[in-house]
Every structure is written in C-alpha cells, then in structure tokens.
Amino acid sequence: MPPPSLLHLRTQFLLSHQLKYLSLLHHSHQTHRLASSSTATSPSPPLPSSTTTTATSPPLSSSSSSSSSPPSSLPTLPPLTHPLGQIRPPSPGTNTGIDTRTAQQRRDDLFNYDTHLARRRKLTAAISRPYFRDYSALDPTHKGKTFVAPPRLFKAGAARYFPNFRGYTLADRRRVDQDTCVVIEGRVTFVSMFSGMWAERQCASWRAALAGLGEGGEGALQMVEINVEPMRLRAGLLWMFSGSLKKGRESEAWGRYFVVRRGFEDEIRADLGVANAKVGYVYLVDREGKIRWAGSGECEEGEKEGLVSGVTRLLDARRAEPAKGEESSKVVDRAKKLSGRDRRESRTAIGNRVIPQTL
C-alpha cells in the first residue's frame, strides 16, 4: 500500500480541526439553552402581602393619585422664542441661485484651496442627508409641525429681514423672473412658503384665520405665496397647469404667486427655520421687510389669536401713519408760507433802502 501523500495528510488535519470546532460550538449552545431554561423556570421571589403594604403605607388621596399618573407619551413641540430671518435687508437681484462669476473669478476659485474645502463640506452635507429624511419626520401627531407660533410679535428692533427670492408669477405668461422683495416692500404682508399640495393646504389653514383682513386698498393685509419647486420637471408641470391655479385665486393675486426654483439653499432654510421642506411655513412681514411672526404646519386654535392680534396691530400702525404724514405736510407748508412772507418783507426793506418810496 503506497504511503499517503502530503495533500491527503493536510486535508485530514483540517477536517479534524473543523470537527473539534463544531463539537465545541454545539456544546456551548447546549449549555446556553440549559441556563436560559433554568432561569425561566426558577420561582419568582414572594410578593409582600396586602396586610404589610396597608400597614406601612398610608392611604393615598384622590389628588395624590391623579398627580402620580404617568405622563403623556405624546411629544411636545418647542415654542418659537427667537426671531427668524437674515441680518442684512434684501435687495433686488440677490439670492437668485445663478452663478454670476466671471471667467477670471472662476479660474481663481478653481485654484483656491479654501474654496475647494468649502465646496467639499457642502457636498459632504448634501450626500450624508437621507433622501426620505423629510418624509420620515412627518409624525402623525403634529403632522410635521416643527414649532409653536409665538403669542406676540417680535420687537421691531430685534426682528430680522425676510430674504429675497426670484421666480415667475402666474400673471406673466412669459415666465420672466421677478423679485419678491419688490412686492413685499412697503406693505404688511402674510407670506406662505410651501412645496407640494399637502404643505399648501397647511398654509391655507392659516390664511383662513385671516379672512376679511386681506381685502381692501393699500392699508390692508397683502397675501404672498411662494411655491418652492427645485425640480425642473415639477416646475414645468406647474407652468402647464397654471390655469387650475388661477381658477382658485382672484386675478389680483396672480402677481403675488411666485414659483421659485433656485435660491432655497441650506443657509436660507436655517435662517427661516425650515426644518422640514415638506411642511408649510408662514411669516408675517411688516412694511420694512422684517419677520415679526412665524408659524409652521397646520394652524391650531391657540395660535390663531396670536396671529390675528399681531396682524391687527401692524395694520393699525400702518393706518395711523398717514395722519401723521398729513400733519407733517401741513407744518411744512406753513413753514414755506412763512419763509415766503419773510422773503417778500426783506425785499421790500431792501428796496426802501436802495430806492426811496415817494409819498
């Protein structure tokens, strides 16, 4: 009989080691099962009798039992305590989302290491963000609401400015982009910002609370809607079916419905408090373009009072200013008349000195 080859001996050695490893694994699994079954069948410690419990603990009253009830498991939303917006006032032509750099500036940025690092951080943040993050954050309790609206207006000195957006309106068939700051400037404006039908319905619940305040002339409340659609396909569908959007609105409101595709960057979202892009957000902007109040999600009963009182306060201040302007104009006219009379008297005095008047 020929002797076994080296390959045959090596195969037997590996098989023997594998069998030993399987036997040890089976043995450890059996011991783990026995230990778990013994702990499951072990008797539980005896509970104290009812007599001992009643003897050591005093009877609880109804008030103490109600106070010791377990807290509700529903999450509570934080109230908005700080102003939203940007520090610098907006101007037409800003925040368009279009790269306006020259060829020389692009070449300089291409060889700038700091610019590459900033671009890398921006791309890293965009890649690490899950695609369905906003959808998964839509809890059924609050329906995506991220904060509770403040009960009062922010002070004018501490308030910040609403940024400028650029997009086309329903009134322009050529889809020429316009600036939102031009429409908002000089008017008390209620701005609704949304992306999708569900968020638009949430903003409509806020506008329903202001029924009657958005009608009238220059001194009334102005409604502005901003539909943010970064996807080109959805923006094209909105333009194709713009007739259905016009049917639900008056012809005067067509020029205040903006479709924005660019400029809604992460920095702008952080400034406006937009934590979820699939939720509707509303802002009350004064005549200077400052955000004096903000809300998110659907309008609740406790938030309507704060919104209506804030709008009424801003409109009353707006209507009181023309009376002050008329008084100031009267004072200016009176000063002009007095100055004209003084000039005539001075001319007469000069004429008397130069050419004496005959009796």
Protein backbone atom coordinates (compact mmCIF):
# COMPACT_ATOMS: atom_id res chain seq x y z
CA MET A 1 0.00 0.00 0.00
CA PRO A 2 1.51 3.37 -1.04
CA PRO A 3 2.10 5.95 1.73
CA PRO A 4 -0.40 8.85 1.95
CA SER A 5 0.51 12.00 0.12
CA LEU A 6 1.16 15.35 1.74
CA LEU A 7 -2.11 16.78 0.40
CA HIS A 8 -4.04 13.86 1.89
CA LEU A 9 -2.47 14.40 5.33
CA ARG A 10 -3.20 18.12 5.22
CA THR A 11 -6.83 17.52 4.33
CA GLN A 12 -7.26 15.09 7.24
CA PHE A 13 -5.70 17.61 9.62
CA LEU A 14 -8.09 20.39 8.55
CA LEU A 15 -11.12 18.10 8.80
CA SER A 16 -10.19 17.03 12.31
CA HIS A 17 -9.85 20.64 13.46
CA GLN A 18 -13.18 21.56 11.91
CA LEU A 19 -14.89 18.69 13.68
CA LYS A 20 -13.43 19.77 17.02
CA TYR A 21 -14.62 23.36 16.45
CA LEU A 22 -18.15 22.20 15.58
CA SER A 23 -18.33 20.00 18.66
CA LEU A 24 -17.22 22.84 20.93
CA LEU A 25 -19.77 25.18 19.34
CA HIS A 26 -22.55 22.63 19.80
CA HIS A 27 -21.58 22.10 23.44
CA SER A 28 -21.62 25.85 24.21
CA HIS A 29 -25.03 26.20 22.52
CA GLN A 30 -26.46 23.38 24.65
CA THR A 31 -25.15 24.92 27.88
CA HIS A 32 -26.65 28.31 26.94
CA ARG A 33 -30.07 26.73 26.33
CA LEU A 34 -29.96 24.92 29.67
CA ALA A 35 -29.02 28.13 31.51
CA SER A 36 -31.84 30.11 29.89
CA SER A 37 -34.42 27.40 30.63
CA SER A 38 -33.34 27.23 34.28
CA THR A 39 -33.71 30.99 34.74
CA ALA A 40 -37.12 30.91 33.08
CA THR A 41 -38.44 28.13 35.32
CA SER A 42 -36.94 29.49 38.58
CA PRO A 43 -39.58 30.65 41.06
CA SER A 44 -40.02 34.40 41.48
CA PRO A 45 -39.47 35.96 44.92
CA PRO A 46 -42.59 36.17 47.07
CA LEU A 47 -44.50 39.44 46.92
CA PRO A 48 -45.32 41.28 50.12
CA SER A 49 -48.77 40.60 51.50
CA SER A 50 -51.55 43.14 51.37
CA THR A 51 -51.61 43.47 55.14
CA THR A 52 -47.96 44.52 55.22
CA THR A 53 -48.46 47.05 52.45
CA THR A 54 -51.50 48.62 54.07
CA ALA A 55 -49.77 48.78 57.40
CA THR A 56 -46.63 50.53 56.19
CA SER A 57 -48.03 52.89 53.51
CA PRO A 58 -50.77 55.44 54.25
CA PRO A 59 -53.83 55.58 52.03
CA LEU A 60 -53.46 57.89 49.02
CA SER A 61 -55.93 60.66 48.38
CA SER A 62 -57.57 61.36 45.05
CA SER A 63 -55.37 64.39 44.40
CA SER A 64 -52.14 62.49 45.01
CA SER A 65 -53.23 59.59 42.82
CA SER A 66 -54.04 61.93 39.96
CA SER A 67 -50.71 63.71 40.31
CA SER A 68 -48.80 60.42 40.28
CA SER A 69 -50.37 59.31 37.00
CA PRO A 70 -47.84 58.54 34.24
CA PRO A 71 -47.07 61.45 31.89
CA SER A 72 -48.40 61.53 28.37
CA SER A 73 -46.24 59.89 25.75
CA LEU A 74 -47.09 62.49 23.08
CA PRO A 75 -44.11 64.71 22.22
CA THR A 76 -44.44 68.41 22.94
CA LEU A 77 -43.26 70.98 20.41
CA PRO A 78 -40.96 73.80 21.46
CA PRO A 79 -42.26 77.37 21.08
CA LEU A 80 -40.52 79.81 18.78
CA THR A 81 -38.57 82.15 21.06
CA HIS A 82 -36.05 83.80 18.71
CA PRO A 83 -36.58 85.92 15.59
CA LEU A 84 -36.12 84.36 12.16
CA GLY A 85 -34.60 85.87 9.04
CA GLN A 86 -31.41 87.49 7.85
CA ILE A 87 -29.47 90.37 9.34
CA ARG A 88 -28.99 92.29 6.09
CA PRO A 89 -32.01 93.74 4.27
CA PRO A 90 -32.85 92.18 0.90
CA SER A 91 -32.33 93.90 -2.43
CA PRO A 92 -33.49 93.09 -5.97
CA GLY A 93 -31.22 90.74 -7.86
CA THR A 94 -29.84 88.92 -4.81
CA ASN A 95 -30.27 85.24 -3.91
CA THR A 96 -31.12 84.25 -7.45
CA GLY A 97 -29.26 80.93 -7.38
CA ILE A 98 -27.48 81.80 -10.65
CA ASP A 99 -23.69 81.81 -10.84
CA THR A 100 -22.74 85.34 -11.93
CA ARG A 101 -18.96 84.95 -11.65
CA THR A 102 -16.74 85.97 -14.49
CA ALA A 103 -14.26 83.65 -16.21
CA GLN A 104 -11.38 85.14 -14.23
CA GLN A 105 -13.21 84.65 -10.93
CA ARG A 106 -14.00 81.05 -11.79
CA ARG A 107 -10.37 80.43 -12.66
CA ASP A 108 -9.24 81.94 -9.34
CA ASP A 109 -11.74 79.77 -7.42
CA LEU A 110 -10.54 76.70 -9.30
CA PHE A 111 -7.05 77.08 -7.88
CA ASN A 112 -8.16 78.27 -4.42
CA TYR A 113 -7.77 75.60 -1.75
CA ASP A 114 -10.18 77.26 0.72
CA THR A 115 -12.90 77.34 -1.91
CA HIS A 116 -12.38 73.62 -2.54
CA LEU A 117 -12.69 72.88 1.19
CA ALA A 118 -15.95 74.85 1.44
CA ARG A 119 -17.31 73.06 -1.60
CA ARG A 120 -16.27 69.71 -0.13
CA ARG A 121 -18.06 70.42 3.14
CA LYS A 122 -21.19 71.40 1.25
CA LEU A 123 -21.14 68.25 -0.86
CA THR A 124 -20.50 66.08 2.20
CA ALA A 125 -23.52 67.56 3.97
CA ALA A 126 -25.68 67.00 0.88
CA ILE A 127 -24.59 63.39 0.46
CA SER A 128 -24.97 62.49 4.14
CA ARG A 129 -28.56 63.77 4.19
CA PRO A 130 -31.03 60.92 3.61
CA TYR A 131 -33.40 61.34 0.70
CA PHE A 132 -36.51 60.44 2.74
CA ARG A 133 -35.50 62.41 5.84
CA ASP A 134 -38.28 64.97 5.49
CA TYR A 135 -40.87 62.27 4.84
CA SER A 136 -39.82 60.19 7.86
CA ALA A 137 -40.03 63.28 10.10
CA LEU A 138 -43.76 63.70 9.38
CA ASP A 139 -45.10 62.35 12.64
CA PRO A 140 -48.86 61.61 12.74
CA THR A 141 -49.33 63.56 15.97
CA HIS A 142 -48.29 67.03 14.83
CA LYS A 143 -48.29 66.39 11.04
CA GLY A 144 -44.79 67.73 10.55
CA LYS A 145 -45.17 70.81 12.72
CA THR A 146 -41.73 71.85 13.99
CA PHE A 147 -42.51 74.69 16.42
CA VAL A 148 -45.40 76.51 18.06
CA ALA A 149 -46.09 80.04 16.86
CA PRO A 150 -45.33 82.84 19.33
CA PRO A 151 -48.31 84.51 21.01
CA ARG A 152 -46.94 88.02 20.39
CA LEU A 153 -44.97 89.85 17.74
CA PHE A 154 -41.22 90.10 17.80
CA LYS A 155 -39.93 93.58 18.56
CA ALA A 156 -39.06 95.67 15.53
CA GLY A 157 -35.54 96.27 16.81
CA ALA A 158 -34.80 92.55 17.26
CA ALA A 159 -36.64 91.30 14.14
CA ARG A 160 -34.71 90.20 11.05
CA TYR A 161 -35.38 90.59 7.35
CA PHE A 162 -37.18 88.20 5.05
CA PRO A 163 -34.78 87.13 2.25
CA ASN A 164 -35.37 87.86 -1.39
CA PHE A 165 -36.47 85.11 -3.78
CA ARG A 166 -36.66 85.25 -7.53
CA GLY A 167 -39.26 83.44 -9.61
CA TYR A 168 -42.05 83.87 -12.13
CA THR A 169 -45.66 84.65 -11.22
CA LEU A 170 -48.98 83.44 -12.55
CA ALA A 171 -49.68 86.84 -14.08
CA ASP A 172 -46.74 86.61 -16.51
CA ARG A 173 -47.12 84.09 -19.33
CA ARG A 174 -43.54 84.60 -20.49
CA ARG A 175 -42.24 83.34 -17.12
CA VAL A 176 -39.97 86.33 -16.53
CA ASP A 177 -38.43 86.11 -13.06
CA GLN A 178 -39.35 88.80 -10.55
CA ASP A 179 -38.12 89.67 -7.07
CA THR A 180 -40.29 89.09 -4.01
CA CYS A 181 -38.76 91.98 -2.06
CA VAL A 182 -40.25 94.46 -4.56
CA VAL A 183 -43.76 93.15 -3.84
CA ILE A 184 -43.29 92.93 -0.07
CA GLU A 185 -41.69 96.33 0.43
CA GLY A 186 -43.98 98.96 1.92
CA ARG A 187 -46.89 96.60 2.70
CA VAL A 188 -47.87 94.45 5.66
CA THR A 189 -47.55 91.01 4.07
CA PHE A 190 -48.51 87.49 5.07
CA VAL A 191 -46.07 85.16 3.26
CA SER A 192 -46.88 81.47 2.72
CA MET A 193 -43.99 79.19 1.73
CA PHE A 194 -44.66 75.60 0.69
CA SER A 195 -43.58 72.80 -1.64
CA GLY A 196 -46.41 70.48 -2.60
CA MET A 197 -50.18 70.27 -2.26
CA TRP A 198 -50.12 68.99 1.32
CA ALA A 199 -47.99 71.89 2.53
CA GLU A 200 -50.16 74.32 0.56
CA ARG A 201 -53.25 73.09 2.44
CA GLN A 202 -51.44 73.68 5.71
CA CYS A 203 -50.74 77.28 4.72
CA ALA A 204 -54.37 77.68 3.64
CA SER A 205 -55.46 76.89 7.21
CA TRP A 206 -53.53 79.98 8.37
CA ARG A 207 -54.99 82.18 5.66
CA ALA A 208 -58.49 81.07 6.62
CA ALA A 209 -57.94 82.59 10.06
CA LEU A 210 -57.26 85.96 8.40
CA ALA A 211 -60.46 86.07 6.36
CA GLY A 212 -61.53 89.70 5.95
CA LEU A 213 -58.16 91.22 6.80
CA GLY A 214 -56.65 90.66 3.37
CA GLU A 215 -59.18 92.77 1.47
CA GLY A 216 -59.03 96.46 0.71
CA GLY A 217 -56.56 99.02 -0.56
CA GLU A 218 -53.03 99.87 0.32
CA GLY A 219 -53.63 99.81 4.05
CA ALA A 220 -54.91 96.22 4.12
CA LEU A 221 -53.04 92.95 4.53
CA GLN A 222 -51.28 91.54 1.47
CA MET A 223 -51.09 87.81 0.74
CA VAL A 224 -47.97 86.43 -0.98
CA GLU A 225 -47.48 82.75 -1.86
CA ILE A 226 -44.08 81.23 -2.66
CA ASN A 227 -44.11 77.74 -4.20
CA VAL A 228 -40.60 76.28 -3.98
CA GLU A 229 -40.04 73.68 -6.72
CA PRO A 230 -36.33 72.84 -7.16
CA MET A 231 -37.11 70.04 -9.61
CA ARG A 232 -37.34 71.19 -13.20
CA LEU A 233 -39.98 68.62 -14.14
CA ARG A 234 -42.40 69.64 -11.39
CA ALA A 235 -41.85 73.32 -12.16
CA GLY A 236 -42.71 72.60 -15.80
CA LEU A 237 -45.89 70.79 -14.75
CA LEU A 238 -46.89 73.78 -12.65
CA TRP A 239 -46.49 76.04 -15.65
CA MET A 240 -48.54 73.68 -17.83
CA PHE A 241 -51.39 73.51 -15.31
CA SER A 242 -51.20 77.14 -14.21
CA GLY A 243 -54.79 77.60 -15.35
CA SER A 244 -56.07 75.46 -12.48
CA LEU A 245 -54.03 77.59 -10.05
CA LYS A 246 -55.56 80.76 -11.46
CA LYS A 247 -59.10 79.45 -11.08
CA GLY A 248 -58.77 79.17 -7.32
CA ARG A 249 -57.47 82.74 -6.95
CA GLU A 250 -58.55 86.22 -7.88
CA SER A 251 -56.86 87.99 -10.76
CA GLU A 252 -55.24 90.49 -8.36
CA ALA A 253 -53.49 87.62 -6.55
CA TRP A 254 -51.87 86.17 -9.68
CA GLY A 255 -48.97 88.59 -9.48
CA ARG A 256 -48.30 87.56 -5.86
CA TYR A 257 -47.98 83.82 -6.50
CA PHE A 258 -44.30 83.02 -7.12
CA VAL A 259 -42.80 79.78 -8.41
CA VAL A 260 -39.19 79.64 -7.19
CA ARG A 261 -36.68 77.07 -8.47
CA ARG A 262 -33.35 78.39 -7.17
CA GLY A 263 -32.00 80.16 -4.13
CA PHE A 264 -33.53 77.94 -1.45
CA GLU A 265 -30.20 76.77 -0.04
CA ASP A 266 -29.42 75.24 3.35
CA GLU A 267 -28.32 78.62 4.74
CA ILE A 268 -31.65 80.19 3.77
CA ARG A 269 -33.53 77.25 5.28
CA ALA A 270 -31.67 77.66 8.56
CA ASP A 271 -32.37 81.41 8.64
CA LEU A 272 -36.09 80.87 8.06
CA GLY A 273 -36.39 77.95 10.50
CA VAL A 274 -37.42 75.47 7.78
CA ALA A 275 -36.59 72.16 9.43
CA ASN A 276 -38.77 70.13 7.04
CA ALA A 277 -39.14 71.14 3.39
CA LYS A 278 -42.37 69.11 3.04
CA VAL A 279 -44.20 71.25 5.62
CA GLY A 280 -45.78 74.65 5.04
CA TYR A 281 -44.38 77.73 6.79
CA VAL A 282 -45.97 81.16 7.15
CA TYR A 283 -44.42 84.53 8.04
CA LEU A 284 -45.87 87.91 8.96
CA VAL A 285 -43.68 90.63 7.43
CA ASP A 286 -44.01 94.32 8.25
CA ARG A 287 -43.54 97.27 5.85
CA GLU A 288 -39.78 97.28 6.38
CA GLY A 289 -39.48 93.63 5.28
CA LYS A 290 -38.85 92.25 8.78
CA ILE A 291 -40.33 88.97 10.04
CA ARG A 292 -42.43 89.85 13.06
CA TRP A 293 -44.15 86.47 13.48
CA ALA A 294 -43.83 82.92 12.09
CA GLY A 295 -45.77 79.65 12.11
CA SER A 296 -45.38 76.09 10.82
CA GLY A 297 -47.65 73.20 9.90
CA GLU A 298 -51.38 73.44 10.38
CA CYS A 299 -52.96 76.27 12.30
CA GLU A 300 -54.13 75.33 15.80
CA GLU A 301 -56.72 77.05 17.95
CA GLY A 302 -54.23 78.57 20.36
CA GLU A 303 -52.18 80.08 17.53
CA LYS A 304 -54.99 81.93 15.75
CA GLU A 305 -55.36 84.53 18.47
CA GLY A 306 -51.68 85.48 18.36
CA LEU A 307 -51.74 85.77 14.56
CA VAL A 308 -54.90 87.89 14.38
CA SER A 309 -53.75 90.21 17.17
CA GLY A 310 -50.35 90.69 15.50
CA VAL A 311 -51.88 91.46 12.10
CA THR A 312 -54.34 93.91 13.66
CA ARG A 313 -51.54 95.68 15.50
CA LEU A 314 -49.43 96.10 12.36
CA LEU A 315 -52.40 97.30 10.29
CA ASP A 316 -53.41 99.84 12.93
CA ALA A 317 -49.87 101.20 12.99
CA ARG A 318 -49.93 101.38 9.18
CA ARG A 319 -53.23 103.29 9.10
CA ALA A 320 -52.08 105.72 11.79
CA GLU A 321 -49.05 106.83 9.79
CA PRO A 322 -50.91 108.73 7.00
CA ALA A 323 -52.48 111.03 9.63
CA LYS A 324 -49.04 111.83 10.97
CA GLY A 325 -47.82 112.40 7.45
CA GLU A 326 -50.64 114.85 6.75
CA GLU A 327 -49.84 116.80 9.92
CA SER A 328 -46.16 116.94 9.00
CA SER A 329 -47.02 118.13 5.47
CA LYS A 330 -49.21 120.88 6.93
CA VAL A 331 -46.35 122.00 9.12
CA VAL A 332 -44.00 122.04 6.13
CA ASP A 333 -46.47 124.08 4.04
CA ARG A 334 -46.90 126.57 6.85
CA ALA A 335 -43.13 126.92 7.16
CA LYS A 336 -42.88 127.53 3.43
CA LYS A 337 -45.53 130.23 3.59
CA LEU A 338 -43.79 131.92 6.48
CA SER A 339 -40.45 131.76 4.69
CA GLY A 340 -42.02 133.26 1.54
CA ARG A 341 -43.54 136.12 3.51
CA ASP A 342 -40.22 136.77 5.17
CA ARG A 343 -38.52 136.91 1.77
CA ARG A 344 -41.07 139.44 0.49
CA GLU A 345 -40.65 141.62 3.55
CA SER A 346 -36.89 141.52 3.18
CA ARG A 347 -37.13 142.51 -0.47
CA THR A 348 -39.36 145.43 0.41
CA ALA A 349 -36.91 146.57 3.07
CA ILE A 350 -34.00 146.35 0.62
CA GLY A 351 -36.00 148.32 -1.99
CA ASN A 352 -36.76 151.04 0.54
CA ARG A 353 -33.10 151.46 1.29
CA VAL A 354 -31.98 151.49 -2.29
CA ILE A 355 -34.85 153.39 -3.96
CA PRO A 356 -36.80 155.56 -1.50
CA GLN A 357 -40.55 155.36 -1.99
CA THR A 358 -42.38 158.62 -2.66
CA LEU A 359 -45.47 159.51 -0.74
